[in-house]
């Protein structure tokens, strides 16, 4: 609980704040602490901003994970109330959105025989209160190979997701939250990444040809082997992409040269 309270404090929130409040506080703090808002010649503040962003990202991710994995509130169907399920079994009706998850849980429970044998149907019923959301949460982050050609993903939060080898050609990812995302081998040809937060993203061998990276934050990102041919990084006389600590081994730069 102390760790969760610390995460709330990092985001300037009271313990127990809703997920919506967590996300909004995260966006506000990322805007405030973005390195582009700090003079580039002030290395101390630049480093402090990067550390603060990492702390903010970690706190938000921890609170999101806690929300998704928290067990459902106690109910009459709790596994501890074995004597009561029989009279109450016909009464509760699950929401339609949980039907498939409940069915899956029942099949798994009926084969495991980990609960009482005196009530053959109460064991699978008791499982459902503990994990109605978990199958969805585990499947959602894996979007590898997904087709988002031309998709409008502005301001979307895809941080930590696996979009390796996904098709994001012409996708609009402006102002999107993409820190720690896996875009290895993804096709981002002509994608709009204006002001996107790609902090510590995996972009190994990604196709970023002709992509708009103006004002994007690629600090700590891995661009090894990525192709940035023709990508927009700013104006003629000014680079407007944050790449502090980015890995560029074998990266094809916008002018076609290969970074050593």
C-alpha atoms as a PDB file:
ATOM      1  CA  UNK A   1       0.000   0.000   0.000  1.00  0.00           C
ATOM      2  CA  UNK A   2       2.925   2.343   0.711  1.00  0.00           C
ATOM      3  CA  UNK A   3       4.114   1.886  -2.854  1.00  0.00           C
ATOM      4  CA  UNK A   4       0.677   2.800  -4.225  1.00  0.00           C
ATOM      5  CA  UNK A   5       0.477   5.867  -2.006  1.00  0.00           C
ATOM      6  CA  UNK A   6       3.884   6.946  -3.304  1.00  0.00           C
ATOM      7  CA  UNK A   7       2.644   6.554  -6.899  1.00  0.00           C
ATOM      8  CA  UNK A   8      -0.382   8.720  -6.138  1.00  0.00           C
ATOM      9  CA  UNK A   9       1.901  11.356  -4.613  1.00  0.00           C
ATOM     10  CA  UNK A  10       4.142  11.336  -7.703  1.00  0.00           C
ATOM     11  CA  UNK A  11       1.060  12.245  -9.755  1.00  0.00           C
ATOM     12  CA  UNK A  12      -0.102  14.816  -7.175  1.00  0.00           C
ATOM     13  CA  UNK A  13      -3.250  12.805  -6.467  1.00  0.00           C
ATOM     14  CA  UNK A  14      -5.054  11.624  -3.360  1.00  0.00           C
ATOM     15  CA  UNK A  15      -4.952   7.845  -2.749  1.00  0.00           C
ATOM     16  CA  UNK A  16      -7.898   6.107  -4.395  1.00  0.00           C
ATOM     17  CA  UNK A  17      -8.178   8.513  -7.329  1.00  0.00           C
ATOM     18  CA  UNK A  18     -10.004   7.115 -10.359  1.00  0.00           C
ATOM     19  CA  UNK A  19      -8.199   5.799 -13.435  1.00  0.00           C
ATOM     20  CA  UNK A  20      -9.492   8.787 -15.391  1.00  0.00           C
ATOM     21  CA  UNK A  21      -7.939  11.144 -12.830  1.00  0.00           C
ATOM     22  CA  UNK A  22      -4.682   9.193 -12.979  1.00  0.00           C
ATOM     23  CA  UNK A  23      -4.524   9.477 -16.771  1.00  0.00           C
ATOM     24  CA  UNK A  24      -5.329  13.195 -16.730  1.00  0.00           C
ATOM     25  CA  UNK A  25      -2.735  13.928 -14.050  1.00  0.00           C
ATOM     26  CA  UNK A  26      -0.197  11.940 -16.057  1.00  0.00           C
ATOM     27  CA  UNK A  27      -0.876  13.991 -19.204  1.00  0.00           C
ATOM     28  CA  UNK A  28      -0.617  17.265 -17.288  1.00  0.00           C
ATOM     29  CA  UNK A  29       2.706  16.342 -15.687  1.00  0.00           C
ATOM     30  CA  UNK A  30       4.190  15.033 -18.943  1.00  0.00           C
ATOM     31  CA  UNK A  31       3.342  18.357 -20.539  1.00  0.00           C
ATOM     32  CA  UNK A  32       4.919  20.295 -17.668  1.00  0.00           C
ATOM     33  CA  UNK A  33       8.098  18.205 -17.495  1.00  0.00           C
ATOM     34  CA  UNK A  34       8.648  17.656 -21.204  1.00  0.00           C
ATOM     35  CA  UNK A  35      12.360  18.301 -21.966  1.00  0.00           C
ATOM     36  CA  UNK A  36      11.457  20.523 -24.917  1.00  0.00           C
ATOM     37  CA  UNK A  37      10.100  23.083 -22.453  1.00  0.00           C
ATOM     38  CA  UNK A  38      13.515  23.383 -20.773  1.00  0.00           C
ATOM     39  CA  UNK A  39      16.487  25.313 -22.226  1.00  0.00           C
ATOM     40  CA  UNK A  40      18.732  22.865 -24.058  1.00  0.00           C
ATOM     41  CA  UNK A  41      21.878  24.379 -22.562  1.00  0.00           C
ATOM     42  CA  UNK A  42      20.674  23.642 -19.025  1.00  0.00           C
ATOM     43  CA  UNK A  43      21.885  20.050 -18.814  1.00  0.00           C
ATOM     44  CA  UNK A  44      21.052  19.695 -15.133  1.00  0.00           C
ATOM     45  CA  UNK A  45      17.378  20.543 -15.666  1.00  0.00           C
ATOM     46  CA  UNK A  46      17.257  18.445 -18.827  1.00  0.00           C
ATOM     47  CA  UNK A  47      18.467  15.428 -16.862  1.00  0.00           C
ATOM     48  CA  UNK A  48      16.052  16.195 -14.034  1.00  0.00           C
ATOM     49  CA  UNK A  49      13.172  16.376 -16.518  1.00  0.00           C
ATOM     50  CA  UNK A  50      14.075  12.969 -17.975  1.00  0.00           C
ATOM     51  CA  UNK A  51      14.228  11.424 -14.505  1.00  0.00           C
ATOM     52  CA  UNK A  52      10.895  13.020 -13.628  1.00  0.00           C
ATOM     53  CA  UNK A  53       9.286  11.647 -16.806  1.00  0.00           C
ATOM     54  CA  UNK A  54      10.519   8.154 -15.971  1.00  0.00           C
ATOM     55  CA  UNK A  55       9.098   8.489 -12.450  1.00  0.00           C
ATOM     56  CA  UNK A  56       5.760   9.746 -13.791  1.00  0.00           C
ATOM     57  CA  UNK A  57       5.569   6.926 -16.347  1.00  0.00           C
ATOM     58  CA  UNK A  58       6.398   4.281 -13.740  1.00  0.00           C
ATOM     59  CA  UNK A  59       3.812   5.638 -11.284  1.00  0.00           C
ATOM     60  CA  UNK A  60       1.039   5.753 -13.881  1.00  0.00           C
ATOM     61  CA  UNK A  61       1.852   2.223 -15.130  1.00  0.00           C
ATOM     62  CA  UNK A  62       1.871   0.851 -11.561  1.00  0.00           C
ATOM     63  CA  UNK A  63      -1.527   2.384 -10.765  1.00  0.00           C
ATOM     64  CA  UNK A  64      -3.024   1.149 -14.046  1.00  0.00           C
ATOM     65  CA  UNK A  65      -1.763  -2.369 -13.376  1.00  0.00           C
ATOM     66  CA  UNK A  66      -3.191  -2.229  -9.849  1.00  0.00           C
ATOM     67  CA  UNK A  67      -6.595  -1.188 -11.219  1.00  0.00           C
ATOM     68  CA  UNK A  68      -6.674  -3.971 -13.804  1.00  0.00           C
ATOM     69  CA  UNK A  69      -5.516  -6.725 -11.453  1.00  0.00           C
ATOM     70  CA  UNK A  70      -7.517  -5.731  -8.369  1.00  0.00           C
ATOM     71  CA  UNK A  71     -10.006  -8.506  -7.422  1.00  0.00           C
ATOM     72  CA  UNK A  72     -13.704  -7.744  -7.584  1.00  0.00           C
ATOM     73  CA  UNK A  73     -15.398  -6.493  -4.370  1.00  0.00           C
ATOM     74  CA  UNK A  74     -16.608  -9.224  -1.957  1.00  0.00           C
ATOM     75  CA  UNK A  75     -19.988 -10.647  -2.845  1.00  0.00           C
ATOM     76  CA  UNK A  76     -22.293 -13.476  -1.700  1.00  0.00           C
ATOM     77  CA  UNK A  77     -20.590 -15.666  -4.320  1.00  0.00           C
ATOM     78  CA  UNK A  78     -17.162 -15.403  -2.683  1.00  0.00           C
ATOM     79  CA  UNK A  79     -15.162 -18.670  -2.517  1.00  0.00           C
ATOM     80  CA  UNK A  80     -15.387 -18.444   1.302  1.00  0.00           C
ATOM     81  CA  UNK A  81     -19.188 -18.771   1.323  1.00  0.00           C
ATOM     82  CA  UNK A  82     -19.435 -22.390   0.131  1.00  0.00           C
ATOM     83  CA  UNK A  83     -22.606 -23.304   2.135  1.00  0.00           C
ATOM     84  CA  UNK A  84     -24.655 -20.530   0.464  1.00  0.00           C
ATOM     85  CA  UNK A  85     -24.107 -20.853  -3.314  1.00  0.00           C
ATOM     86  CA  UNK A  86     -26.788 -23.471  -3.890  1.00  0.00           C
ATOM     87  CA  UNK A  87     -29.881 -21.342  -2.944  1.00  0.00           C
ATOM     88  CA  UNK A  88     -28.460 -18.220  -4.595  1.00  0.00           C
ATOM     89  CA  UNK A  89     -27.090 -19.798  -7.772  1.00  0.00           C
ATOM     90  CA  UNK A  90     -30.112 -19.181 -10.048  1.00  0.00           C
ATOM     91  CA  UNK A  91     -30.619 -15.566  -8.897  1.00  0.00           C
ATOM     92  CA  UNK A  92     -27.526 -13.587 -10.018  1.00  0.00           C
ATOM     93  CA  UNK A  93     -27.328 -12.838 -13.726  1.00  0.00           C
ATOM     94  CA  UNK A  94     -23.947 -11.716 -15.053  1.00  0.00           C
ATOM     95  CA  UNK A  95     -23.690  -8.693 -17.367  1.00  0.00           C
ATOM     96  CA  UNK A  96     -23.650  -9.726 -21.031  1.00  0.00           C
ATOM     97  CA  UNK A  97     -20.068  -8.513 -21.442  1.00  0.00           C
ATOM     98  CA  UNK A  98     -18.857 -11.034 -18.875  1.00  0.00           C
ATOM     99  CA  UNK A  99     -20.608 -14.076 -20.348  1.00  0.00           C
ATOM    100  CA  UNK A 100     -17.653 -15.353 -22.356  1.00  0.00           C
ATOM    101  CA  UNK A 101     -15.173 -14.729 -19.556  1.00  0.00           C
ATOM    102  CA  UNK A 102     -17.471 -16.564 -17.089  1.00  0.00           C
ATOM    103  CA  UNK A 103     -17.841 -19.543 -19.449  1.00  0.00           C
ATOM    104  CA  UNK A 104     -14.077 -19.800 -19.905  1.00  0.00           C
ATOM    105  CA  UNK A 105     -13.489 -19.634 -16.168  1.00  0.00           C
ATOM    106  CA  UNK A 106     -16.086 -22.362 -15.567  1.00  0.00           C
ATOM    107  CA  UNK A 107     -14.431 -24.726 -18.051  1.00  0.00           C
ATOM    108  CA  UNK A 108     -11.036 -24.181 -16.484  1.00  0.00           C
ATOM    109  CA  UNK A 109     -12.383 -24.660 -12.982  1.00  0.00           C
ATOM    110  CA  UNK A 110     -14.374 -27.795 -13.771  1.00  0.00           C
ATOM    111  CA  UNK A 111     -11.252 -29.522 -15.101  1.00  0.00           C
ATOM    112  CA  UNK A 112      -8.992 -28.488 -12.222  1.00  0.00           C
ATOM    113  CA  UNK A 113     -11.109 -30.009  -9.342  1.00  0.00           C
ATOM    114  CA  UNK A 114      -9.256 -27.669  -6.992  1.00  0.00           C
ATOM    115  CA  UNK A 115     -12.400 -26.844  -4.955  1.00  0.00           C
ATOM    116  CA  UNK A 116     -14.938 -28.919  -3.051  1.00  0.00           C
ATOM    117  CA  UNK A 117     -16.235 -32.119  -4.652  1.00  0.00           C
ATOM    118  CA  UNK A 118     -19.523 -32.025  -2.732  1.00  0.00           C
ATOM    119  CA  UNK A 119     -20.829 -29.163  -4.885  1.00  0.00           C
ATOM    120  CA  UNK A 120     -19.758 -29.898  -8.496  1.00  0.00           C
ATOM    121  CA  UNK A 121     -21.093 -26.558  -9.800  1.00  0.00           C
ATOM    122  CA  UNK A 122     -20.022 -24.204  -6.999  1.00  0.00           C
ATOM    123  CA  UNK A 123     -16.280 -24.454  -7.756  1.00  0.00           C
ATOM    124  CA  UNK A 124     -16.449 -22.945 -11.252  1.00  0.00           C
ATOM    125  CA  UNK A 125     -18.966 -20.377  -9.976  1.00  0.00           C
ATOM    126  CA  UNK A 126     -16.585 -19.264  -7.230  1.00  0.00           C
ATOM    127  CA  UNK A 127     -13.770 -18.655  -9.727  1.00  0.00           C
ATOM    128  CA  UNK A 128     -15.625 -15.962 -11.644  1.00  0.00           C
ATOM    129  CA  UNK A 129     -15.406 -13.261  -8.969  1.00  0.00           C
ATOM    130  CA  UNK A 130     -11.606 -13.423  -8.962  1.00  0.00           C
ATOM    131  CA  UNK A 131     -10.817 -13.069 -12.658  1.00  0.00           C
ATOM    132  CA  UNK A 132     -13.548 -11.690 -14.959  1.00  0.00           C
ATOM    133  CA  UNK A 133     -11.199  -9.032 -16.378  1.00  0.00           C
ATOM    134  CA  UNK A 134      -7.865 -10.827 -16.526  1.00  0.00           C
ATOM    135  CA  UNK A 135      -8.214 -12.599 -19.887  1.00  0.00           C
ATOM    136  CA  UNK A 136      -9.012  -9.288 -21.587  1.00  0.00           C
ATOM    137  CA  UNK A 137      -6.183  -7.434 -19.856  1.00  0.00           C
ATOM    138  CA  UNK A 138      -3.612 -10.001 -20.912  1.00  0.00           C
ATOM    139  CA  UNK A 139      -4.749 -10.097 -24.519  1.00  0.00           C
ATOM    140  CA  UNK A 140      -5.200  -6.348 -25.156  1.00  0.00           C
ATOM    141  CA  UNK A 141      -1.535  -5.248 -24.939  1.00  0.00           C
ATOM    142  CA  UNK A 142      -0.448  -7.661 -27.703  1.00  0.00           C
ATOM    143  CA  UNK A 143      -1.226  -5.940 -30.989  1.00  0.00           C
ATOM    144  CA  UNK A 144       1.700  -7.366 -32.918  1.00  0.00           C
ATOM    145  CA  UNK A 145       1.043  -7.447 -36.655  1.00  0.00           C
ATOM    146  CA  UNK A 146      -2.183  -5.437 -36.298  1.00  0.00           C
ATOM    147  CA  UNK A 147      -3.370  -3.332 -39.243  1.00  0.00           C
ATOM    148  CA  UNK A 148      -3.768   0.347 -38.328  1.00  0.00           C
ATOM    149  CA  UNK A 149      -3.295   1.689 -41.848  1.00  0.00           C
ATOM    150  CA  UNK A 150      -4.529   5.304 -41.875  1.00  0.00           C
ATOM    151  CA  UNK A 151      -5.973   4.976 -38.358  1.00  0.00           C
ATOM    152  CA  UNK A 152      -6.731   8.048 -36.244  1.00  0.00           C
ATOM    153  CA  UNK A 153      -4.799   7.396 -33.029  1.00  0.00           C
ATOM    154  CA  UNK A 154      -4.339  10.992 -31.931  1.00  0.00           C
ATOM    155  CA  UNK A 155      -3.705  11.350 -28.182  1.00  0.00           C
ATOM    156  CA  UNK A 156      -4.222   7.608 -27.711  1.00  0.00           C
ATOM    157  CA  UNK A 157      -2.413   5.907 -24.839  1.00  0.00           C
ATOM    158  CA  UNK A 158      -0.574   2.898 -26.269  1.00  0.00           C
ATOM    159  CA  UNK A 159       2.295   2.964 -23.799  1.00  0.00           C
ATOM    160  CA  UNK A 160       3.838  -0.415 -23.065  1.00  0.00           C
ATOM    161  CA  UNK A 161       1.868  -2.148 -25.832  1.00  0.00           C
ATOM    162  CA  UNK A 162       3.333  -4.645 -28.283  1.00  0.00           C
ATOM    163  CA  UNK A 163       2.819  -3.359 -31.835  1.00  0.00           C
ATOM    164  CA  UNK A 164       5.831  -5.066 -33.347  1.00  0.00           C
ATOM    165  CA  UNK A 165       5.482  -5.508 -37.129  1.00  0.00           C
ATOM    166  CA  UNK A 166       2.168  -3.623 -37.051  1.00  0.00           C
ATOM    167  CA  UNK A 167       1.051  -1.697 -40.136  1.00  0.00           C
ATOM    168  CA  UNK A 168       0.773   1.986 -39.181  1.00  0.00           C
ATOM    169  CA  UNK A 169       1.196   3.431 -42.656  1.00  0.00           C
ATOM    170  CA  UNK A 170      -0.273   6.962 -42.792  1.00  0.00           C
ATOM    171  CA  UNK A 171      -1.581   6.562 -39.219  1.00  0.00           C
ATOM    172  CA  UNK A 172      -2.091   9.729 -37.169  1.00  0.00           C
ATOM    173  CA  UNK A 173      -0.258   9.280 -33.858  1.00  0.00           C
ATOM    174  CA  UNK A 174       0.146  12.961 -33.042  1.00  0.00           C
ATOM    175  CA  UNK A 175       0.287  13.700 -29.298  1.00  0.00           C
ATOM    176  CA  UNK A 176       0.017   9.957 -28.595  1.00  0.00           C
ATOM    177  CA  UNK A 177       1.513   8.402 -25.461  1.00  0.00           C
ATOM    178  CA  UNK A 178       3.856   5.712 -26.756  1.00  0.00           C
ATOM    179  CA  UNK A 179       6.534   5.403 -24.093  1.00  0.00           C
ATOM    180  CA  UNK A 180       7.995   1.901 -23.700  1.00  0.00           C
ATOM    181  CA  UNK A 181       5.986   0.748 -26.721  1.00  0.00           C
ATOM    182  CA  UNK A 182       7.324  -2.088 -28.879  1.00  0.00           C
ATOM    183  CA  UNK A 183       7.317  -0.969 -32.529  1.00  0.00           C
ATOM    184  CA  UNK A 184      10.144  -3.221 -33.669  1.00  0.00           C
ATOM    185  CA  UNK A 185       9.791  -3.914 -37.390  1.00  0.00           C
ATOM    186  CA  UNK A 186       6.604  -1.832 -37.580  1.00  0.00           C
ATOM    187  CA  UNK A 187       5.664   0.004 -40.778  1.00  0.00           C
ATOM    188  CA  UNK A 188       5.289   3.711 -39.951  1.00  0.00           C
ATOM    189  CA  UNK A 189       5.656   4.979 -43.506  1.00  0.00           C
ATOM    190  CA  UNK A 190       4.351   8.573 -43.686  1.00  0.00           C
ATOM    191  CA  UNK A 191       2.923   8.243 -40.163  1.00  0.00           C
ATOM    192  CA  UNK A 192       2.240  11.456 -38.241  1.00  0.00           C
ATOM    193  CA  UNK A 193       4.166  11.310 -34.946  1.00  0.00           C
ATOM    194  CA  UNK A 194       4.024  15.030 -34.226  1.00  0.00           C
ATOM    195  CA  UNK A 195       4.652  15.616 -30.495  1.00  0.00           C
ATOM    196  CA  UNK A 196       4.357  11.871 -29.809  1.00  0.00           C
ATOM    197  CA  UNK A 197       5.892  10.613 -26.553  1.00  0.00           C
ATOM    198  CA  UNK A 198       8.182   7.747 -27.613  1.00  0.00           C
ATOM    199  CA  UNK A 199      10.310   7.738 -24.476  1.00  0.00           C
ATOM    200  CA  UNK A 200      12.377   4.500 -24.376  1.00  0.00           C
ATOM    201  CA  UNK A 201      10.339   3.002 -27.230  1.00  0.00           C
ATOM    202  CA  UNK A 202      11.601  -0.007 -29.193  1.00  0.00           C
ATOM    203  CA  UNK A 203      11.829   1.059 -32.849  1.00  0.00           C
ATOM    204  CA  UNK A 204      14.420  -1.439 -34.006  1.00  0.00           C
ATOM    205  CA  UNK A 205      14.280  -1.907 -37.791  1.00  0.00           C
ATOM    206  CA  UNK A 206      11.070   0.134 -37.959  1.00  0.00           C
ATOM    207  CA  UNK A 207      10.106   1.767 -41.253  1.00  0.00           C
ATOM    208  CA  UNK A 208       9.883   5.499 -40.520  1.00  0.00           C
ATOM    209  CA  UNK A 209      10.371   6.663 -44.091  1.00  0.00           C
ATOM    210  CA  UNK A 210       8.784  10.094 -44.670  1.00  0.00           C
ATOM    211  CA  UNK A 211       7.285  10.046 -41.163  1.00  0.00           C
ATOM    212  CA  UNK A 212       6.606  13.325 -39.349  1.00  0.00           C
ATOM    213  CA  UNK A 213       8.714  13.279 -36.174  1.00  0.00           C
ATOM    214  CA  UNK A 214       8.651  17.016 -35.474  1.00  0.00           C
ATOM    215  CA  UNK A 215       8.581  17.689 -31.704  1.00  0.00           C
ATOM    216  CA  UNK A 216       8.484  13.944 -30.946  1.00  0.00           C
ATOM    217  CA  UNK A 217      10.323  12.709 -27.845  1.00  0.00           C
ATOM    218  CA  UNK A 218      12.585   9.755 -28.679  1.00  0.00           C
ATOM    219  CA  UNK A 219      14.715  10.006 -25.537  1.00  0.00           C
ATOM    220  CA  UNK A 220      16.200   6.621 -24.692  1.00  0.00           C
ATOM    221  CA  UNK A 221      14.463   4.993 -27.678  1.00  0.00           C
ATOM    222  CA  UNK A 222      16.131   2.169 -29.610  1.00  0.00           C
ATOM    223  CA  UNK A 223      16.270   3.092 -33.316  1.00  0.00           C
ATOM    224  CA  UNK A 224      18.880   0.493 -34.248  1.00  0.00           C
ATOM    225  CA  UNK A 225      18.496  -0.392 -37.921  1.00  0.00           C
ATOM    226  CA  UNK A 226      15.448   1.853 -38.336  1.00  0.00           C
ATOM    227  CA  UNK A 227      14.896   3.600 -41.678  1.00  0.00           C
ATOM    228  CA  UNK A 228      14.274   7.353 -41.363  1.00  0.00           C
ATOM    229  CA  UNK A 229      14.820   8.165 -45.030  1.00  0.00           C
ATOM    230  CA  UNK A 230      12.967  11.388 -45.842  1.00  0.00           C
ATOM    231  CA  UNK A 231      11.556  11.682 -42.311  1.00  0.00           C
ATOM    232  CA  UNK A 232      10.769  15.185 -41.036  1.00  0.00           C
ATOM    233  CA  UNK A 233      12.796  16.085 -37.949  1.00  0.00           C
ATOM    234  CA  UNK A 234      12.296  19.854 -37.949  1.00  0.00           C
ATOM    235  CA  UNK A 235      13.206  22.851 -40.080  1.00  0.00           C
ATOM    236  CA  UNK A 236      16.217  23.199 -42.352  1.00  0.00           C
ATOM    237  CA  UNK A 237      18.355  24.815 -39.685  1.00  0.00           C
ATOM    238  CA  UNK A 238      16.933  23.246 -36.548  1.00  0.00           C
ATOM    239  CA  UNK A 239      16.342  19.684 -35.359  1.00  0.00           C
ATOM    240  CA  UNK A 240      13.094  19.573 -33.387  1.00  0.00           C
ATOM    241  CA  UNK A 241      13.194  15.978 -32.156  1.00  0.00           C
ATOM    242  CA  UNK A 242      14.341  14.983 -28.677  1.00  0.00           C
ATOM    243  CA  UNK A 243      16.802  12.076 -28.976  1.00  0.00           C
ATOM    244  CA  UNK A 244      18.731  12.210 -25.707  1.00  0.00           C
ATOM    245  CA  UNK A 245      20.226   8.770 -25.067  1.00  0.00           C
ATOM    246  CA  UNK A 246      18.630   7.246 -28.179  1.00  0.00           C
ATOM    247  CA  UNK A 247      20.410   4.263 -29.787  1.00  0.00           C
ATOM    248  CA  UNK A 248      21.117   4.905 -33.466  1.00  0.00           C
ATOM    249  CA  UNK A 249      23.387   2.016 -34.422  1.00  0.00           C
ATOM    250  CA  UNK A 250      22.834   1.286 -38.106  1.00  0.00           C
ATOM    251  CA  UNK A 251      19.988   3.795 -38.336  1.00  0.00           C
ATOM    252  CA  UNK A 252      19.376   5.204 -41.819  1.00  0.00           C
ATOM    253  CA  UNK A 253      19.143   8.959 -41.330  1.00  0.00           C
ATOM    254  CA  UNK A 254      16.753  11.255 -43.277  1.00  0.00           C
ATOM    255  CA  UNK A 255      19.472  12.145 -45.798  1.00  0.00           C
ATOM    256  CA  UNK A 256      20.171   8.477 -46.510  1.00  0.00           C
ATOM    257  CA  UNK A 257      23.410   8.207 -44.538  1.00  0.00           C
ATOM    258  CA  UNK A 258      23.834   5.286 -42.149  1.00  0.00           C
ATOM    259  CA  UNK A 259      24.694   6.083 -38.548  1.00  0.00           C
ATOM    260  CA  UNK A 260      27.748   4.109 -37.372  1.00  0.00           C
END
